[in-house]
Amino acid sequence: MHSTILNQIEEMVGCLSRREQLRLIEQLAHRLREGSKNSDVSRQSNSQLVAMAADAEVQAELQKIDHEFGVTEADGLESSYNPKINNRSQK
């Protein structure tokens, strides 16, 4: 199936002028380069995240932040907005 599609594309490209063919090749090369850059960045980001997650200092800081926000969660500020309560207080 894929070879059939590739053959059709090849035939269509053959119908283009030389200038159009060169432009098409340039666009495809650009798209391939950009895709390669994005996958490299993604791999680097993932490896950095894994390293950070394993870092004891980062884990300690996250626990500290979690503890600090635990107070906020306990006092009810995390609850959802209730317009009936807010409308009564404005009257």
PDB file of N, CA and C in Angstrom:
ATOM      1  N   MET A   1       0.824  -1.195   0.000  1.00  0.00           N
ATOM      2  CA  MET A   1       0.000   0.000   0.000  1.00  0.00           C
ATOM      3  C   MET A   1       0.866   1.256   0.000  1.00  0.00           C
ATOM      4  N   HIS A   2       1.873   1.307   0.871  1.00  0.00           N
ATOM      5  CA  HIS A   2       2.726   2.482   0.945  1.00  0.00           C
ATOM      6  C   HIS A   2       3.491   2.701  -0.356  1.00  0.00           C
ATOM      7  N   SER A   3       3.922   1.613  -0.971  1.00  0.00           N
ATOM      8  CA  SER A   3       4.665   1.771  -2.218  1.00  0.00           C
ATOM      9  C   SER A   3       3.761   2.334  -3.312  1.00  0.00           C
ATOM     10  N   THR A   4       2.484   2.020  -3.288  1.00  0.00           N
ATOM     11  CA  THR A   4       1.536   2.570  -4.252  1.00  0.00           C
ATOM     12  C   THR A   4       1.411   4.076  -4.066  1.00  0.00           C
ATOM     13  N   ILE A   5       1.299   4.503  -2.816  1.00  0.00           N
ATOM     14  CA  ILE A   5       1.196   5.939  -2.530  1.00  0.00           C
ATOM     15  C   ILE A   5       2.476   6.643  -2.950  1.00  0.00           C
ATOM     16  N   LEU A   6       3.615   6.051  -2.629  1.00  0.00           N
ATOM     17  CA  LEU A   6       4.892   6.646  -3.026  1.00  0.00           C
ATOM     18  C   LEU A   6       5.005   6.739  -4.538  1.00  0.00           C
ATOM     19  N   ASN A   7       4.544   5.721  -5.238  1.00  0.00           N
ATOM     20  CA  ASN A   7       4.575   5.757  -6.707  1.00  0.00           C
ATOM     21  C   ASN A   7       3.696   6.884  -7.237  1.00  0.00           C
ATOM     22  N   GLN A   8       2.532   7.079  -6.632  1.00  0.00           N
ATOM     23  CA  GLN A   8       1.642   8.162  -7.056  1.00  0.00           C
ATOM     24  C   GLN A   8       2.289   9.518  -6.804  1.00  0.00           C
ATOM     25  N   ILE A   9       2.923   9.661  -5.649  1.00  0.00           N
ATOM     26  CA  ILE A   9       3.596  10.923  -5.338  1.00  0.00           C
ATOM     27  C   ILE A   9       4.713  11.167  -6.342  1.00  0.00           C
ATOM     28  N   GLU A  10       5.455  10.125  -6.640  1.00  0.00           N
ATOM     29  CA  GLU A  10       6.570  10.251  -7.593  1.00  0.00           C
ATOM     30  C   GLU A  10       6.057  10.691  -8.964  1.00  0.00           C
ATOM     31  N   GLU A  11       4.938  10.147  -9.389  1.00  0.00           N
ATOM     32  CA  GLU A  11       4.354  10.533 -10.673  1.00  0.00           C
ATOM     33  C   GLU A  11       3.923  12.005 -10.651  1.00  0.00           C
ATOM     34  N   MET A  12       3.316  12.424  -9.525  1.00  0.00           N
ATOM     35  CA  MET A  12       2.867  13.816  -9.411  1.00  0.00           C
ATOM     36  C   MET A  12       4.056  14.771  -9.420  1.00  0.00           C
ATOM     37  N   VAL A  13       5.108  14.396  -8.713  1.00  0.00           N
ATOM     38  CA  VAL A  13       6.304  15.232  -8.677  1.00  0.00           C
ATOM     39  C   VAL A  13       6.889  15.347 -10.076  1.00  0.00           C
ATOM     40  N   GLY A  14       6.805  14.272 -10.855  1.00  0.00           N
ATOM     41  CA  GLY A  14       7.290  14.288 -12.234  1.00  0.00           C
ATOM     42  C   GLY A  14       6.545  15.280 -13.111  1.00  0.00           C
ATOM     43  N   CYS A  15       5.319  15.610 -12.733  1.00  0.00           N
ATOM     44  CA  CYS A  15       4.521  16.573 -13.498  1.00  0.00           C
ATOM     45  C   CYS A  15       4.901  18.016 -13.170  1.00  0.00           C
ATOM     46  N   LEU A  16       5.641  18.227 -12.105  1.00  0.00           N
ATOM     47  CA  LEU A  16       6.033  19.580 -11.703  1.00  0.00           C
ATOM     48  C   LEU A  16       7.220  20.058 -12.527  1.00  0.00           C
ATOM     49  N   SER A  17       7.340  21.370 -12.607  1.00  0.00           N
ATOM     50  CA  SER A  17       8.522  21.927 -13.276  1.00  0.00           C
ATOM     51  C   SER A  17       9.741  21.678 -12.400  1.00  0.00           C
ATOM     52  N   ARG A  18      10.923  21.838 -12.978  1.00  0.00           N
ATOM     53  CA  ARG A  18      12.161  21.635 -12.207  1.00  0.00           C
ATOM     54  C   ARG A  18      12.204  22.579 -11.008  1.00  0.00           C
ATOM     55  N   ARG A  19      11.802  23.800 -11.228  1.00  0.00           N
ATOM     56  CA  ARG A  19      11.802  24.795 -10.142  1.00  0.00           C
ATOM     57  C   ARG A  19      10.855  24.376  -9.009  1.00  0.00           C
ATOM     58  N   GLU A  20       9.660  23.893  -9.369  1.00  0.00           N
ATOM     59  CA  GLU A  20       8.702  23.434  -8.361  1.00  0.00           C
ATOM     60  C   GLU A  20       9.213  22.200  -7.619  1.00  0.00           C
ATOM     61  N   GLN A  21       9.892  21.330  -8.346  1.00  0.00           N
ATOM     62  CA  GLN A  21      10.467  20.137  -7.704  1.00  0.00           C
ATOM     63  C   GLN A  21      11.523  20.531  -6.676  1.00  0.00           C
ATOM     64  N   LEU A  22      12.377  21.486  -7.035  1.00  0.00           N
ATOM     65  CA  LEU A  22      13.405  21.948  -6.101  1.00  0.00           C
ATOM     66  C   LEU A  22      12.766  22.602  -4.868  1.00  0.00           C
ATOM     67  N   ARG A  23      11.735  23.381  -5.097  1.00  0.00           N
ATOM     68  CA  ARG A  23      11.046  24.022  -3.967  1.00  0.00           C
ATOM     69  C   ARG A  23      10.430  22.966  -3.054  1.00  0.00           C
ATOM     70  N   LEU A  24       9.828  21.939  -3.631  1.00  0.00           N
ATOM     71  CA  LEU A  24       9.235  20.858  -2.854  1.00  0.00           C
ATOM     72  C   LEU A  24      10.296  20.128  -2.028  1.00  0.00           C
ATOM     73  N   ILE A  25      11.431  19.856  -2.641  1.00  0.00           N
ATOM     74  CA  ILE A  25      12.522  19.185  -1.925  1.00  0.00           C
ATOM     75  C   ILE A  25      13.023  20.043  -0.772  1.00  0.00           C
ATOM     76  N   GLU A  26      13.151  21.342  -1.004  1.00  0.00           N
ATOM     77  CA  GLU A  26      13.585  22.246   0.064  1.00  0.00           C
ATOM     78  C   GLU A  26      12.601  22.246   1.224  1.00  0.00           C
ATOM     79  N   GLN A  27      11.315  22.275   0.922  1.00  0.00           N
ATOM     80  CA  GLN A  27      10.288  22.268   1.967  1.00  0.00           C
ATOM     81  C   GLN A  27      10.316  20.955   2.751  1.00  0.00           C
ATOM     82  N   LEU A  28      10.466  19.848   2.047  1.00  0.00           N
ATOM     83  CA  LEU A  28      10.530  18.545   2.719  1.00  0.00           C
ATOM     84  C   LEU A  28      11.771  18.441   3.606  1.00  0.00           C
ATOM     85  N   ALA A  29      12.901  18.915   3.102  1.00  0.00           N
ATOM     86  CA  ALA A  29      14.134  18.882   3.888  1.00  0.00           C
ATOM     87  C   ALA A  29      13.991  19.736   5.133  1.00  0.00           C
ATOM     88  N   HIS A  30      13.387  20.911   4.993  1.00  0.00           N
ATOM     89  CA  HIS A  30      13.173  21.795   6.138  1.00  0.00           C
ATOM     90  C   HIS A  30      12.281  21.111   7.179  1.00  0.00           C
ATOM     91  N   ARG A  31      11.213  20.494   6.722  1.00  0.00           N
ATOM     92  CA  ARG A  31      10.284  19.797   7.621  1.00  0.00           C
ATOM     93  C   ARG A  31      10.985  18.647   8.346  1.00  0.00           C
ATOM     94  N   LEU A  32      11.808  17.912   7.638  1.00  0.00           N
ATOM     95  CA  LEU A  32      12.540  16.801   8.256  1.00  0.00           C
ATOM     96  C   LEU A  32      13.544  17.309   9.286  1.00  0.00           C
ATOM     97  N   ARG A  33      14.251  18.402   8.959  1.00  0.00           N
ATOM     98  CA  ARG A  33      15.208  18.973   9.910  1.00  0.00           C
ATOM     99  C   ARG A  33      14.507  19.445  11.171  1.00  0.00           C
ATOM    100  N   GLU A  34      13.380  20.130  11.018  1.00  0.00           N
ATOM    101  CA  GLU A  34      12.631  20.639  12.180  1.00  0.00           C
ATOM    102  C   GLU A  34      12.134  19.486  13.037  1.00  0.00           C
ATOM    103  N   GLY A  35      11.651  18.434  12.422  1.00  0.00           N
ATOM    104  CA  GLY A  35      11.187  17.268  13.169  1.00  0.00           C
ATOM    105  C   GLY A  35      12.315  16.623  13.941  1.00  0.00           C
ATOM    106  N   SER A  36      13.496  16.585  13.359  1.00  0.00           N
ATOM    107  CA  SER A  36      14.666  16.013  14.019  1.00  0.00           C
ATOM    108  C   SER A  36      15.071  16.867  15.208  1.00  0.00           C
ATOM    109  N   LYS A  37      15.045  18.195  15.043  1.00  0.00           N
ATOM    110  CA  LYS A  37      15.392  19.103  16.142  1.00  0.00           C
ATOM    111  C   LYS A  37      14.425  18.929  17.301  1.00  0.00           C
ATOM    112  N   ASN A  38      13.125  18.848  16.990  1.00  0.00           N
ATOM    113  CA  ASN A  38      12.117  18.718  18.031  1.00  0.00           C
ATOM    114  C   ASN A  38      12.269  17.415  18.802  1.00  0.00           C
ATOM    115  N   SER A  39      12.582  16.330  18.114  1.00  0.00           N
ATOM    116  CA  SER A  39      12.736  15.061  18.820  1.00  0.00           C
ATOM    117  C   SER A  39      13.991  15.077  19.680  1.00  0.00           C
ATOM    118  N   ASP A  40      15.071  15.742  19.228  1.00  0.00           N
ATOM    119  CA  ASP A  40      16.287  15.855  20.037  1.00  0.00           C
ATOM    120  C   ASP A  40      16.019  16.659  21.301  1.00  0.00           C
ATOM    121  N   VAL A  41      15.285  17.762  21.158  1.00  0.00           N
ATOM    122  CA  VAL A  41      14.955  18.602  22.309  1.00  0.00           C
ATOM    123  C   VAL A  41      14.084  17.822  23.286  1.00  0.00           C
ATOM    124  N   SER A  42      13.141  17.074  22.760  1.00  0.00           N
ATOM    125  CA  SER A  42      12.254  16.284  23.606  1.00  0.00           C
ATOM    126  C   SER A  42      13.039  15.240  24.396  1.00  0.00           C
ATOM    127  N   ARG A  43      13.984  14.574  23.743  1.00  0.00           N
ATOM    128  CA  ARG A  43      14.809  13.578  24.442  1.00  0.00           C
ATOM    129  C   ARG A  43      15.644  14.233  25.527  1.00  0.00           C
ATOM    130  N   GLN A  44      16.211  15.404  25.239  1.00  0.00           N
ATOM    131  CA  GLN A  44      17.014  16.119  26.234  1.00  0.00           C
ATOM    132  C   GLN A  44      16.146  16.540  27.411  1.00  0.00           C
ATOM    133  N   SER A  45      14.953  17.044  27.130  1.00  0.00           N
ATOM    134  CA  SER A  45      14.048  17.478  28.197  1.00  0.00           C
ATOM    135  C   SER A  45      13.665  16.309  29.089  1.00  0.00           C
ATOM    136  N   ASN A  46      13.351  15.178  28.471  1.00  0.00           N
ATOM    137  CA  ASN A  46      12.973  14.004  29.251  1.00  0.00           C
ATOM    138  C   ASN A  46      14.117  13.535  30.134  1.00  0.00           C
ATOM    139  N   SER A  47      15.327  13.519  29.612  1.00  0.00           N
ATOM    140  CA  SER A  47      16.454  13.058  30.418  1.00  0.00           C
ATOM    141  C   SER A  47      16.738  14.043  31.551  1.00  0.00           C
ATOM    142  N   GLN A  48      16.533  15.348  31.304  1.00  0.00           N
ATOM    143  CA  GLN A  48      16.714  16.335  32.367  1.00  0.00           C
ATOM    144  C   GLN A  48      15.657  16.172  33.455  1.00  0.00           C
ATOM    145  N   LEU A  49      14.413  15.893  33.061  1.00  0.00           N
ATOM    146  CA  LEU A  49      13.355  15.686  34.040  1.00  0.00           C
ATOM    147  C   LEU A  49      13.617  14.448  34.893  1.00  0.00           C
ATOM    148  N   VAL A  50      14.092  13.396  34.256  1.00  0.00           N
ATOM    149  CA  VAL A  50      14.419  12.168  34.994  1.00  0.00           C
ATOM    150  C   VAL A  50      15.527  12.447  35.998  1.00  0.00           C
ATOM    151  N   ALA A  51      16.533  13.188  35.576  1.00  0.00           N
ATOM    152  CA  ALA A  51      17.642  13.519  36.476  1.00  0.00           C
ATOM    153  C   ALA A  51      17.157  14.378  37.639  1.00  0.00           C
ATOM    154  N   MET A  52      16.278  15.346  37.359  1.00  0.00           N
ATOM    155  CA  MET A  52      15.754  16.199  38.421  1.00  0.00           C
ATOM    156  C   MET A  52      14.908  15.388  39.406  1.00  0.00           C
ATOM    157  N   ALA A  53      14.104  14.481  38.888  1.00  0.00           N
ATOM    158  CA  ALA A  53      13.246  13.669  39.753  1.00  0.00           C
ATOM    159  C   ALA A  53      14.068  12.784  40.685  1.00  0.00           C
ATOM    160  N   ALA A  54      15.231  12.378  40.240  1.00  0.00           N
ATOM    161  CA  ALA A  54      16.091  11.528  41.055  1.00  0.00           C
ATOM    162  C   ALA A  54      16.981  12.325  42.005  1.00  0.00           C
ATOM    163  N   ASP A  55      17.067  13.626  41.805  1.00  0.00           N
ATOM    164  CA  ASP A  55      17.938  14.481  42.610  1.00  0.00           C
ATOM    165  C   ASP A  55      17.361  14.654  44.016  1.00  0.00           C
ATOM    166  N   ALA A  56      18.148  14.342  45.032  1.00  0.00           N
ATOM    167  CA  ALA A  56      17.695  14.424  46.422  1.00  0.00           C
ATOM    168  C   ALA A  56      17.346  15.858  46.822  1.00  0.00           C
ATOM    169  N   GLU A  57      18.109  16.829  46.349  1.00  0.00           N
ATOM    170  CA  GLU A  57      17.821  18.234  46.684  1.00  0.00           C
ATOM    171  C   GLU A  57      16.481  18.671  46.105  1.00  0.00           C
ATOM    172  N   VAL A  58      16.200  18.255  44.874  1.00  0.00           N
ATOM    173  CA  VAL A  58      14.931  18.609  44.241  1.00  0.00           C
ATOM    174  C   VAL A  58      13.787  17.946  45.001  1.00  0.00           C
ATOM    175  N   GLN A  59      13.956  16.693  45.375  1.00  0.00           N
ATOM    176  CA  GLN A  59      12.908  15.998  46.126  1.00  0.00           C
ATOM    177  C   GLN A  59      12.650  16.683  47.469  1.00  0.00           C
ATOM    178  N   ALA A  60      13.710  17.099  48.141  1.00  0.00           N
ATOM    179  CA  ALA A  60      13.561  17.786  49.426  1.00  0.00           C
ATOM    180  C   ALA A  60      12.814  19.101  49.242  1.00  0.00           C
ATOM    181  N   GLU A  61      13.135  19.841  48.193  1.00  0.00           N
ATOM    182  CA  GLU A  61      12.463  21.115  47.926  1.00  0.00           C
ATOM    183  C   GLU A  61      10.984  20.889  47.617  1.00  0.00           C
ATOM    184  N   LEU A  62      10.678  19.853  46.859  1.00  0.00           N
ATOM    185  CA  LEU A  62       9.279  19.541  46.543  1.00  0.00           C
ATOM    186  C   LEU A  62       8.504  19.158  47.802  1.00  0.00           C
ATOM    187  N   GLN A  63       9.130  18.421  48.687  1.00  0.00           N
ATOM    188  CA  GLN A  63       8.471  18.065  49.946  1.00  0.00           C
ATOM    189  C   GLN A  63       8.214  19.313  50.797  1.00  0.00           C
ATOM    190  N   LYS A  64       9.162  20.233  50.797  1.00  0.00           N
ATOM    191  CA  LYS A  64       9.009  21.490  51.533  1.00  0.00           C
ATOM    192  C   LYS A  64       7.833  22.293  50.971  1.00  0.00           C
ATOM    193  N   ILE A  65       7.754  22.389  49.664  1.00  0.00           N
ATOM    194  CA  ILE A  65       6.657  23.112  49.012  1.00  0.00           C
ATOM    195  C   ILE A  65       5.327  22.429  49.314  1.00  0.00           C
ATOM    196  N   ASP A  66       5.312  21.111  49.229  1.00  0.00           N
ATOM    197  CA  ASP A  66       4.095  20.353  49.520  1.00  0.00           C
ATOM    198  C   ASP A  66       3.638  20.611  50.952  1.00  0.00           C
ATOM    199  N   HIS A  67       4.574  20.652  51.886  1.00  0.00           N
ATOM    200  CA  HIS A  67       4.243  20.918  53.283  1.00  0.00           C
ATOM    201  C   HIS A  67       3.677  22.325  53.441  1.00  0.00           C
ATOM    202  N   GLU A  68       4.283  23.297  52.785  1.00  0.00           N
ATOM    203  CA  GLU A  68       3.816  24.680  52.875  1.00  0.00           C
ATOM    204  C   GLU A  68       2.405  24.834  52.321  1.00  0.00           C
ATOM    205  N   PHE A  69       2.094  24.150  51.245  1.00  0.00           N
ATOM    206  CA  PHE A  69       0.766  24.256  50.662  1.00  0.00           C
ATOM    207  C   PHE A  69      -0.240  23.375  51.389  1.00  0.00           C
ATOM    208  N   GLY A  70       0.235  22.451  52.209  1.00  0.00           N
ATOM    209  CA  GLY A  70      -0.672  21.622  52.999  1.00  0.00           C
ATOM    210  C   GLY A  70      -1.520  22.469  53.921  1.00  0.00           C
ATOM    211  N   VAL A  71      -0.964  23.548  54.447  1.00  0.00           N
ATOM    212  CA  VAL A  71      -1.705  24.466  55.313  1.00  0.00           C
ATOM    213  C   VAL A  71      -2.837  25.112  54.529  1.00  0.00           C
ATOM    214  N   THR A  72      -2.572  25.534  53.310  1.00  0.00           N
ATOM    215  CA  THR A  72      -3.587  26.166  52.459  1.00  0.00           C
ATOM    216  C   THR A  72      -4.705  25.183  52.150  1.00  0.00           C
ATOM    217  N   GLU A  73      -4.360  23.961  51.846  1.00  0.00           N
ATOM    218  CA  GLU A  73      -5.377  22.946  51.554  1.00  0.00           C
ATOM    219  C   GLU A  73      -6.236  22.685  52.777  1.00  0.00           C
ATOM    220  N   ALA A  74      -5.628  22.687  53.947  1.00  0.00           N
ATOM    221  CA  ALA A  74      -6.363  22.401  55.174  1.00  0.00           C
ATOM    222  C   ALA A  74      -7.335  23.506  55.550  1.00  0.00           C
ATOM    223  N   ASP A  75      -7.061  24.762  55.184  1.00  0.00           N
ATOM    224  CA  ASP A  75      -7.964  25.845  55.581  1.00  0.00           C
ATOM    225  C   ASP A  75      -9.092  26.091  54.583  1.00  0.00           C
ATOM    226  N   GLY A  76      -9.220  25.228  53.586  1.00  0.00           N
ATOM    227  CA  GLY A  76     -10.377  25.274  52.694  1.00  0.00           C
ATOM    228  C   GLY A  76     -10.242  26.176  51.489  1.00  0.00           C
ATOM    229  N   LEU A  77      -9.115  26.770  51.250  1.00  0.00           N
ATOM    230  CA  LEU A  77      -8.966  27.645  50.088  1.00  0.00           C
ATOM    231  C   LEU A  77      -8.962  26.875  48.790  1.00  0.00           C
ATOM    232  N   GLU A  78      -8.842  25.583  48.869  1.00  0.00           N
ATOM    233  CA  GLU A  78      -8.825  24.764  47.670  1.00  0.00           C
ATOM    234  C   GLU A  78     -10.238  24.470  47.169  1.00  0.00           C
ATOM    235  N   SER A  79     -11.296  24.748  47.946  1.00  0.00           N
ATOM    236  CA  SER A  79     -12.656  24.423  47.555  1.00  0.00           C
ATOM    237  C   SER A  79     -13.082  25.247  46.348  1.00  0.00           C
ATOM    238  N   SER A  80     -14.074  24.743  45.623  1.00  0.00           N
ATOM    239  CA  SER A  80     -14.509  25.417  44.397  1.00  0.00           C
ATOM    240  C   SER A  80     -15.355  26.648  44.704  1.00  0.00           C
ATOM    241  N   TYR A  81     -15.458  27.533  43.759  1.00  0.00           N
ATOM    242  CA  TYR A  81     -16.205  28.786  43.869  1.00  0.00           C
ATOM    243  C   TYR A  81     -17.694  28.484  43.944  1.00  0.00           C
ATOM    244  N   ASN A  82     -18.403  29.120  44.864  1.00  0.00           N
ATOM    245  CA  ASN A  82     -19.847  28.938  44.996  1.00  0.00           C
ATOM    246  C   ASN A  82     -20.506  30.308  44.843  1.00  0.00           C
ATOM    247  N   PRO A  83     -21.129  30.599  43.698  1.00  0.00           N
ATOM    248  CA  PRO A  83     -21.692  31.923  43.439  1.00  0.00           C
ATOM    249  C   PRO A  83     -22.834  32.287  44.393  1.00  0.00           C
ATOM    250  N   LYS A  84     -23.594  31.309  44.926  1.00  0.00           N
ATOM    251  CA  LYS A  84     -24.689  31.619  45.838  1.00  0.00           C
ATOM    252  C   LYS A  84     -24.157  32.258  47.121  1.00  0.00           C
ATOM    253  N   ILE A  85     -23.084  31.727  47.635  1.00  0.00           N
ATOM    254  CA  ILE A  85     -22.503  32.273  48.858  1.00  0.00           C
ATOM    255  C   ILE A  85     -21.954  33.674  48.600  1.00  0.00           C
ATOM    256  N   ASN A  86     -21.262  33.867  47.495  1.00  0.00           N
ATOM    257  CA  ASN A  86     -20.670  35.164  47.180  1.00  0.00           C
ATOM    258  C   ASN A  86     -21.723  36.220  46.875  1.00  0.00           C
ATOM    259  N   ASN A  87     -22.832  35.854  46.251  1.00  0.00           N
ATOM    260  CA  ASN A  87     -23.884  36.810  45.940  1.00  0.00           C
ATOM    261  C   ASN A  87     -24.584  37.290  47.214  1.00  0.00           C
ATOM    262  N   ARG A  88     -24.779  36.425  48.207  1.00  0.00           N
ATOM    263  CA  ARG A  88     -25.409  36.813  49.461  1.00  0.00           C
ATOM    264  C   ARG A  88     -24.545  37.817  50.215  1.00  0.00           C
ATOM    265  N   SER A  89     -23.241  37.633  50.182  1.00  0.00           N
ATOM    266  CA  SER A  89     -22.382  38.523  50.935  1.00  0.00           C
ATOM    267  C   SER A  89     -22.351  39.918  50.318  1.00  0.00           C
ATOM    268  N   GLN A  90     -22.692  40.046  49.038  1.00  0.00           N
ATOM    269  CA  GLN A  90     -22.658  41.343  48.385  1.00  0.00           C
ATOM    270  C   GLN A  90     -23.946  42.130  48.625  1.00  0.00           C
ATOM    271  N   LYS A  91     -25.045  41.473  49.043  1.00  0.00           N
ATOM    272  CA  LYS A  91     -26.338  42.145  49.233  1.00  0.00           C
ATOM    273  C   LYS A  91     -26.413  42.901  50.504  1.00  0.00           C
TER     274      LYS A  91
END
